[in-house]
Amino acid sequence: MNEDLLNNKYKEKLRASYKGLIHEVFTLILRGLSGAKVTRPGQFRSYENGYGVISSLGDDDGVLYPLENGFFFLPVPPTLIIMDEVNYVEIQRRGYGGTSMHYFDLLVKLKSEQELVFLDIRRSEYDNLIMFISEKGLKIHNFGGETADGAPPSHLERIREIADGSDDKVDLTYV
């Protein structure tokens, strides 16, 4: 971009040069050129320190990105789920053995009664995803376990049990 265009049209929106991670530089340039708000990854990190988890939505393979204000599934169809629209989430596991033990499904039930099921999420992503969902204050159905008085434990108590290793089993719904 020549200096005249940069100084006249994009003076307050772009800089002459950028340094940083590719996705961060790209986001800054895209925001400067378009003027649109660009959503960036938040604090969620996957088991392998990525920003999303590999999954499928229906027949479409993609990546589910847990964001600060929602979930975003890419590439096809791009699906944005706003946290305020979520009624609850539910963890599901299909089958009783073989490779199905290494994967789980995440059902997201919206207040509009629509259900979105993200399939075949690796089991290694479970703890980080549940921790993230709990910290966002979303209801988690079928989280498993009971307290001494028969009441289900709070999500954070259950996560502490798993993290401490005092409970190495994870109760998932069989469908």
C-alpha atoms as a PDB file:
ATOM      1  CA  MET A   1       0.000   0.000   0.000  1.00  0.00           C
ATOM      2  CA  ASN A   2       1.452   3.344  -0.901  1.00  0.00           C
ATOM      3  CA  GLU A   3       1.998   5.982   1.774  1.00  0.00           C
ATOM      4  CA  ASP A   4      -0.597   8.413   0.378  1.00  0.00           C
ATOM      5  CA  LEU A   5      -3.380   5.848   0.632  1.00  0.00           C
ATOM      6  CA  LEU A   6      -2.205   4.764   4.074  1.00  0.00           C
ATOM      7  CA  ASN A   7      -1.997   8.341   5.387  1.00  0.00           C
ATOM      8  CA  ASN A   8      -5.215   9.612   3.781  1.00  0.00           C
ATOM      9  CA  LYS A   9      -7.687   6.746   3.951  1.00  0.00           C
ATOM     10  CA  TYR A  10      -6.385   4.430   6.680  1.00  0.00           C
ATOM     11  CA  LYS A  11      -4.463   6.864   8.897  1.00  0.00           C
ATOM     12  CA  GLU A  12      -6.189   5.880  12.160  1.00  0.00           C
ATOM     13  CA  LYS A  13      -6.933   2.291  11.145  1.00  0.00           C
ATOM     14  CA  LEU A  14      -3.660   0.789   9.883  1.00  0.00           C
ATOM     15  CA  ARG A  15       0.036   1.050  10.614  1.00  0.00           C
ATOM     16  CA  ALA A  16       2.863   1.003   8.097  1.00  0.00           C
ATOM     17  CA  SER A  17       4.200  -2.292   9.445  1.00  0.00           C
ATOM     18  CA  TYR A  18       3.223  -5.077  11.821  1.00  0.00           C
ATOM     19  CA  LYS A  19       5.076  -7.704  13.811  1.00  0.00           C
ATOM     20  CA  GLY A  20       3.535 -10.618  15.660  1.00  0.00           C
ATOM     21  CA  LEU A  21       1.776 -13.902  15.206  1.00  0.00           C
ATOM     22  CA  ILE A  22       0.224 -14.330  11.773  1.00  0.00           C
ATOM     23  CA  HIS A  23      -3.343 -14.697  13.032  1.00  0.00           C
ATOM     24  CA  GLU A  24      -3.029 -11.577  15.210  1.00  0.00           C
ATOM     25  CA  VAL A  25      -1.545  -9.454  12.411  1.00  0.00           C
ATOM     26  CA  PHE A  26      -4.197 -10.719   9.991  1.00  0.00           C
ATOM     27  CA  THR A  27      -6.943  -9.797  12.477  1.00  0.00           C
ATOM     28  CA  LEU A  28      -5.578  -6.261  12.939  1.00  0.00           C
ATOM     29  CA  ILE A  29      -5.299  -5.687   9.183  1.00  0.00           C
ATOM     30  CA  LEU A  30      -8.750  -7.139   8.481  1.00  0.00           C
ATOM     31  CA  ARG A  31     -10.302  -4.948  11.172  1.00  0.00           C
ATOM     32  CA  GLY A  32      -8.465  -1.886   9.805  1.00  0.00           C
ATOM     33  CA  LEU A  33      -9.509  -2.472   6.196  1.00  0.00           C
ATOM     34  CA  SER A  34     -13.116  -3.455   6.813  1.00  0.00           C
ATOM     35  CA  GLY A  35     -13.934  -1.505   9.959  1.00  0.00           C
ATOM     36  CA  ALA A  36     -15.868  -4.559  11.136  1.00  0.00           C
ATOM     37  CA  LYS A  37     -15.569  -6.103  14.552  1.00  0.00           C
ATOM     38  CA  VAL A  38     -13.434  -9.248  14.373  1.00  0.00           C
ATOM     39  CA  THR A  39     -13.873 -11.992  16.948  1.00  0.00           C
ATOM     40  CA  ARG A  40     -10.603 -13.485  18.127  1.00  0.00           C
ATOM     41  CA  PRO A  41      -9.919 -16.612  20.160  1.00  0.00           C
ATOM     42  CA  GLY A  42     -10.312 -16.181  23.894  1.00  0.00           C
ATOM     43  CA  GLN A  43      -8.773 -17.964  26.861  1.00  0.00           C
ATOM     44  CA  PHE A  44      -9.804 -21.507  25.883  1.00  0.00           C
ATOM     45  CA  ARG A  45      -6.917 -23.797  24.987  1.00  0.00           C
ATOM     46  CA  SER A  46      -7.301 -27.327  23.743  1.00  0.00           C
ATOM     47  CA  TYR A  47      -5.341 -30.304  25.021  1.00  0.00           C
ATOM     48  CA  GLU A  48      -2.677 -29.533  22.399  1.00  0.00           C
ATOM     49  CA  ASN A  49      -2.761 -25.770  23.216  1.00  0.00           C
ATOM     50  CA  GLY A  50      -4.843 -24.874  20.166  1.00  0.00           C
ATOM     51  CA  TYR A  51      -7.814 -22.530  20.022  1.00  0.00           C
ATOM     52  CA  GLY A  52     -10.422 -25.086  18.939  1.00  0.00           C
ATOM     53  CA  VAL A  53     -11.334 -28.752  18.953  1.00  0.00           C
ATOM     54  CA  ILE A  54     -11.844 -30.947  15.925  1.00  0.00           C
ATOM     55  CA  SER A  55     -15.420 -32.164  15.602  1.00  0.00           C
ATOM     56  CA  SER A  56     -18.291 -32.605  13.170  1.00  0.00           C
ATOM     57  CA  LEU A  57     -21.641 -30.891  12.943  1.00  0.00           C
ATOM     58  CA  GLY A  58     -23.917 -33.316  11.170  1.00  0.00           C
ATOM     59  CA  ASP A  59     -21.999 -34.606   8.156  1.00  0.00           C
ATOM     60  CA  ASP A  60     -19.651 -31.609   8.075  1.00  0.00           C
ATOM     61  CA  ASP A  61     -16.167 -31.904   9.586  1.00  0.00           C
ATOM     62  CA  GLY A  62     -14.634 -28.805  11.079  1.00  0.00           C
ATOM     63  CA  VAL A  63     -13.331 -27.103  14.191  1.00  0.00           C
ATOM     64  CA  LEU A  64     -15.382 -25.908  17.159  1.00  0.00           C
ATOM     65  CA  TYR A  65     -13.937 -22.727  18.682  1.00  0.00           C
ATOM     66  CA  PRO A  66     -15.033 -21.941  22.265  1.00  0.00           C
ATOM     67  CA  LEU A  67     -15.016 -18.130  22.430  1.00  0.00           C
ATOM     68  CA  GLU A  68     -15.550 -15.720  25.303  1.00  0.00           C
ATOM     69  CA  ASN A  69     -19.160 -15.016  24.277  1.00  0.00           C
ATOM     70  CA  GLY A  70     -20.080 -18.163  22.398  1.00  0.00           C
ATOM     71  CA  PHE A  71     -19.015 -21.026  20.181  1.00  0.00           C
ATOM     72  CA  PHE A  72     -18.049 -20.817  16.519  1.00  0.00           C
ATOM     73  CA  PHE A  73     -17.917 -23.824  14.188  1.00  0.00           C
ATOM     74  CA  LEU A  74     -15.958 -23.674  10.935  1.00  0.00           C
ATOM     75  CA  PRO A  75     -15.653 -24.320   8.025  1.00  0.00           C
ATOM     76  CA  VAL A  76     -19.016 -25.456   6.619  1.00  0.00           C
ATOM     77  CA  PRO A  77     -21.562 -24.341   7.558  1.00  0.00           C
ATOM     78  CA  PRO A  78     -20.115 -21.520   9.668  1.00  0.00           C
ATOM     79  CA  THR A  79     -22.191 -21.638  12.840  1.00  0.00           C
ATOM     80  CA  LEU A  80     -22.151 -19.021  15.609  1.00  0.00           C
ATOM     81  CA  ILE A  81     -23.738 -19.853  18.965  1.00  0.00           C
ATOM     82  CA  ILE A  82     -24.052 -16.962  21.423  1.00  0.00           C
ATOM     83  CA  MET A  83     -23.684 -17.981  25.113  1.00  0.00           C
ATOM     84  CA  ASP A  84     -26.844 -16.059  26.079  1.00  0.00           C
ATOM     85  CA  GLU A  85     -28.843 -18.263  23.671  1.00  0.00           C
ATOM     86  CA  VAL A  86     -27.670 -21.552  25.257  1.00  0.00           C
ATOM     87  CA  ASN A  87     -30.120 -23.293  27.572  1.00  0.00           C
ATOM     88  CA  TYR A  88     -27.714 -26.106  28.530  1.00  0.00           C
ATOM     89  CA  VAL A  89     -25.036 -28.416  27.198  1.00  0.00           C
ATOM     90  CA  GLU A  90     -24.922 -32.179  27.518  1.00  0.00           C
ATOM     91  CA  ILE A  91     -22.041 -34.588  27.132  1.00  0.00           C
ATOM     92  CA  GLN A  92     -22.859 -37.751  25.214  1.00  0.00           C
ATOM     93  CA  ARG A  93     -20.928 -40.868  24.333  1.00  0.00           C
ATOM     94  CA  ARG A  94     -21.958 -43.365  21.697  1.00  0.00           C
ATOM     95  CA  GLY A  95     -21.242 -47.073  21.911  1.00  0.00           C
ATOM     96  CA  TYR A  96     -19.650 -49.244  24.561  1.00  0.00           C
ATOM     97  CA  GLY A  97     -16.145 -49.954  23.387  1.00  0.00           C
ATOM     98  CA  GLY A  98     -13.559 -49.764  20.663  1.00  0.00           C
ATOM     99  CA  THR A  99     -12.751 -46.349  19.310  1.00  0.00           C
ATOM    100  CA  SER A 100     -15.991 -44.796  20.608  1.00  0.00           C
ATOM    101  CA  MET A 101     -14.429 -44.700  24.101  1.00  0.00           C
ATOM    102  CA  HIS A 102     -11.886 -42.175  22.785  1.00  0.00           C
ATOM    103  CA  TYR A 103     -14.523 -39.681  21.623  1.00  0.00           C
ATOM    104  CA  PHE A 104     -17.564 -37.878  22.985  1.00  0.00           C
ATOM    105  CA  ASP A 105     -20.288 -35.659  21.577  1.00  0.00           C
ATOM    106  CA  LEU A 106     -21.324 -32.233  22.833  1.00  0.00           C
ATOM    107  CA  LEU A 107     -25.011 -31.400  22.542  1.00  0.00           C
ATOM    108  CA  VAL A 108     -25.829 -27.704  22.795  1.00  0.00           C
ATOM    109  CA  LYS A 109     -29.516 -27.051  23.492  1.00  0.00           C
ATOM    110  CA  LEU A 110     -30.576 -23.505  22.681  1.00  0.00           C
ATOM    111  CA  LYS A 111     -33.366 -21.592  24.388  1.00  0.00           C
ATOM    112  CA  SER A 112     -35.172 -21.698  21.026  1.00  0.00           C
ATOM    113  CA  GLU A 113     -35.343 -25.532  21.483  1.00  0.00           C
ATOM    114  CA  GLN A 114     -32.882 -26.070  18.618  1.00  0.00           C
ATOM    115  CA  GLU A 115     -30.235 -28.723  19.314  1.00  0.00           C
ATOM    116  CA  LEU A 116     -26.754 -28.750  17.830  1.00  0.00           C
ATOM    117  CA  VAL A 117     -24.635 -31.869  18.309  1.00  0.00           C
ATOM    118  CA  PHE A 118     -20.886 -31.626  17.808  1.00  0.00           C
ATOM    119  CA  LEU A 119     -19.708 -35.171  17.139  1.00  0.00           C
ATOM    120  CA  ASP A 120     -16.486 -37.080  17.670  1.00  0.00           C
ATOM    121  CA  ILE A 121     -14.584 -34.717  19.951  1.00  0.00           C
ATOM    122  CA  ARG A 122     -11.439 -36.394  21.255  1.00  0.00           C
ATOM    123  CA  ARG A 123     -11.629 -37.577  24.855  1.00  0.00           C
ATOM    124  CA  SER A 124      -8.392 -35.689  25.601  1.00  0.00           C
ATOM    125  CA  GLU A 125     -10.337 -32.415  25.072  1.00  0.00           C
ATOM    126  CA  TYR A 126     -12.960 -33.289  27.702  1.00  0.00           C
ATOM    127  CA  ASP A 127     -11.405 -31.672  30.801  1.00  0.00           C
ATOM    128  CA  ASN A 128     -10.484 -28.371  29.116  1.00  0.00           C
ATOM    129  CA  LEU A 129     -13.865 -28.092  27.415  1.00  0.00           C
ATOM    130  CA  ILE A 130     -15.854 -28.877  30.580  1.00  0.00           C
ATOM    131  CA  MET A 131     -13.748 -26.428  32.607  1.00  0.00           C
ATOM    132  CA  PHE A 132     -14.369 -23.714  30.001  1.00  0.00           C
ATOM    133  CA  ILE A 133     -18.121 -24.378  29.851  1.00  0.00           C
ATOM    134  CA  SER A 134     -18.372 -24.360  33.664  1.00  0.00           C
ATOM    135  CA  GLU A 135     -16.428 -21.110  33.977  1.00  0.00           C
ATOM    136  CA  LYS A 136     -18.887 -19.513  31.536  1.00  0.00           C
ATOM    137  CA  GLY A 137     -21.740 -20.486  33.868  1.00  0.00           C
ATOM    138  CA  LEU A 138     -23.547 -22.715  31.385  1.00  0.00           C
ATOM    139  CA  LYS A 139     -25.699 -25.538  32.733  1.00  0.00           C
ATOM    140  CA  ILE A 140     -24.253 -28.974  32.109  1.00  0.00           C
ATOM    141  CA  HIS A 141     -26.765 -31.822  32.103  1.00  0.00           C
ATOM    142  CA  ASN A 142     -25.698 -35.379  32.999  1.00  0.00           C
ATOM    143  CA  PHE A 143     -22.423 -34.338  34.607  1.00  0.00           C
ATOM    144  CA  GLY A 144     -22.540 -37.454  36.777  1.00  0.00           C
ATOM    145  CA  GLY A 145     -21.877 -38.270  40.404  1.00  0.00           C
ATOM    146  CA  GLU A 146     -23.823 -37.565  43.578  1.00  0.00           C
ATOM    147  CA  THR A 147     -22.957 -36.031  46.930  1.00  0.00           C
ATOM    148  CA  ALA A 148     -23.481 -37.838  50.250  1.00  0.00           C
ATOM    149  CA  ASP A 149     -26.993 -36.406  50.528  1.00  0.00           C
ATOM    150  CA  GLY A 150     -27.902 -37.688  47.046  1.00  0.00           C
ATOM    151  CA  ALA A 151     -27.785 -34.274  45.365  1.00  0.00           C
ATOM    152  CA  PRO A 152     -25.671 -33.799  42.264  1.00  0.00           C
ATOM    153  CA  PRO A 153     -22.394 -31.981  42.962  1.00  0.00           C
ATOM    154  CA  SER A 154     -21.806 -28.533  41.567  1.00  0.00           C
ATOM    155  CA  HIS A 155     -19.940 -28.438  38.277  1.00  0.00           C
ATOM    156  CA  LEU A 156     -16.871 -26.925  39.884  1.00  0.00           C
ATOM    157  CA  GLU A 157     -16.846 -29.558  42.668  1.00  0.00           C
ATOM    158  CA  ARG A 158     -17.025 -32.282  40.030  1.00  0.00           C
ATOM    159  CA  ILE A 159     -14.194 -30.713  38.040  1.00  0.00           C
ATOM    160  CA  ARG A 160     -12.052 -30.517  41.193  1.00  0.00           C
ATOM    161  CA  GLU A 161     -12.676 -34.229  41.822  1.00  0.00           C
ATOM    162  CA  ILE A 162     -11.532 -35.073  38.313  1.00  0.00           C
ATOM    163  CA  ALA A 163      -8.562 -32.683  38.422  1.00  0.00           C
ATOM    164  CA  ASP A 164      -7.424 -33.951  41.855  1.00  0.00           C
ATOM    165  CA  GLY A 165      -7.592 -37.518  40.643  1.00  0.00           C
ATOM    166  CA  SER A 166      -9.938 -38.415  43.497  1.00  0.00           C
ATOM    167  CA  ASP A 167     -12.448 -39.556  40.886  1.00  0.00           C
ATOM    168  CA  ASP A 168     -10.926 -41.073  37.804  1.00  0.00           C
ATOM    169  CA  LYS A 169     -14.218 -42.122  36.231  1.00  0.00           C
ATOM    170  CA  VAL A 170     -16.306 -39.838  34.088  1.00  0.00           C
ATOM    171  CA  ASP A 171     -20.014 -40.513  33.816  1.00  0.00           C
ATOM    172  CA  LEU A 172     -21.265 -39.911  30.301  1.00  0.00           C
ATOM    173  CA  THR A 173     -24.698 -40.588  28.876  1.00  0.00           C
ATOM    174  CA  TYR A 174     -25.002 -43.592  26.603  1.00  0.00           C
ATOM    175  CA  VAL A 175     -27.224 -42.942  23.608  1.00  0.00           C
END
